[in-house]
Every structure is written in structure tokens, then in C-alpha cells.
Amino acid sequence: MNFKKLIVDSGLRMLNSGYTIETWGNISFRDKETNLVYLTPSGMDYSTITEDDVVVCDLQGNIVEGTRVPTIETGLHLAVYRARPEVNAILHTHPIYSTVFSCIGKDVPLIIDEAAQTLGDVCRTAEYGLPGTPELAENCVKALGKTANACLLKAHGAVCVGDTMEAAFKVSRVLEVTAQIYQMILATGCNCPELSQENILAMQEFVKTKYGQRNNTMQIEY
């Protein structure tokens, strides 16, 4: 697989999805065979980035390929990969509705089935840390914990993870939709109860074992 092309294509996809503007946000992918990490370069327009601009480093941050300066959040990406070995893709986005909650320091709860199936756990807002600092990386890892697939960076944006790039993008989409629904519910003045833990676990098990085209036979349970 051409991981550099994946980074370039994903940058355009993130930009065109409305999850960021200008040069904000960053993307990485970990090759699980080599543990090398492919990163977007710092401060470059996603519409101009080429494969030659992608930076490759190891999990300790040693650059092994590329001439560009990697994203300022390289330390954050590497810290997440070290803490969550099942994660192979990370998107740091700046979506509008999710960022609203990051600015007020409020978590986004699992209020819809799609969130329960996809986000893994409540999307927590990490304590504030300046961009590109070890403090921000540490706060992000803490907010993600061992099960959440997304967290918010205080007054900054969102971090979404997955075992594949497609999975990370799915998390990004579901998080932003959930944040939008949550904000609209709160605007009505109504209470917004979270799904029960029992139902959350049931939804997660459903996705793992029953959802999608898993085999050629189907048994309907009544």
C-alpha cells in the first residue's frame, strides 16, 4: 500500500469534508508492519501537498524519510500510537460543532446509536495545552483512555482514531453529527439523557458480530 498517497488523499478528503480550513489539522498513519508513521507536513495547504512532502518517522520521532518539517503535533500522534497499539490512523480535525464543545470544555456523550457503535466511549474534552507541546499530547492520551475513539482538545478541535484511515474518518463524521444533534437538543432547553451502559454495550456487540455482510446466510431472530 502506498501510505504517502494515503496521507495526500486523506488531506484533500479532510479539507473537502469541511472538517478543517486552510492548513489547520493534521493526519498520520502507522504502518503496523514496520511501526513507521507517515505524517502531514507542517503548515502546508492540503491542496498542494504531494507524496514528496509526506514525512516518515519512527515511534520515537526520529525522521527516517522526508525533507519537510512534520506537523507540529507529531508528538501527540506518536504518544497516541504508543498508548493505543491497535490504532493505525489519526485525524486531528477542526470541525465546527465539535469545537464548540471543546471551547466550553464540555464532553460529547453517547446520545445516539451511531455514537455508541462508533465512538467507543464518551468523547471527553482534554485539559488545555498549548499546540505542539508534550502537555497537550499527554492530555490527549488521557482523554482518549483505552476505549474512546475520539476526544476534544480544549479550545482547539478534535482527535479521532481508528484501525484504518476509513475508520478514523467514520469516527470524525459520527462525532460531528453527534455534536450537532447534542447542541440542537441543548438549545431547546430539554434534558438529553445518555444511552444506558447496557444499551451501549449491546450496540457495540451488534456492530462486531451482526452488522454488515459477514456471510452468505442470514438467520432472523424474533
Foldseek 3Di string as FASTA:
>chain_A
DLQLVVQLVVLVVQDVVQQADQQDKWKWFADLVVQKIKIAAARDGSVPDDSLQIWIDHLVRHTDHHDGHGYLCPVLVSLQCVLAVLWGIKIWTAHDLQLVCLQVQHKQAAQDLLCLQQQQGIAGEFPEDDGSDPNQSVRQCVRCDHGGQKYHYRNGTMMGTDSDNVSRVSNVVVSNVSSVVVVVCVVVVDDRDHDDPVVSVVSNVCVVPPDDCPDDDDDDDD
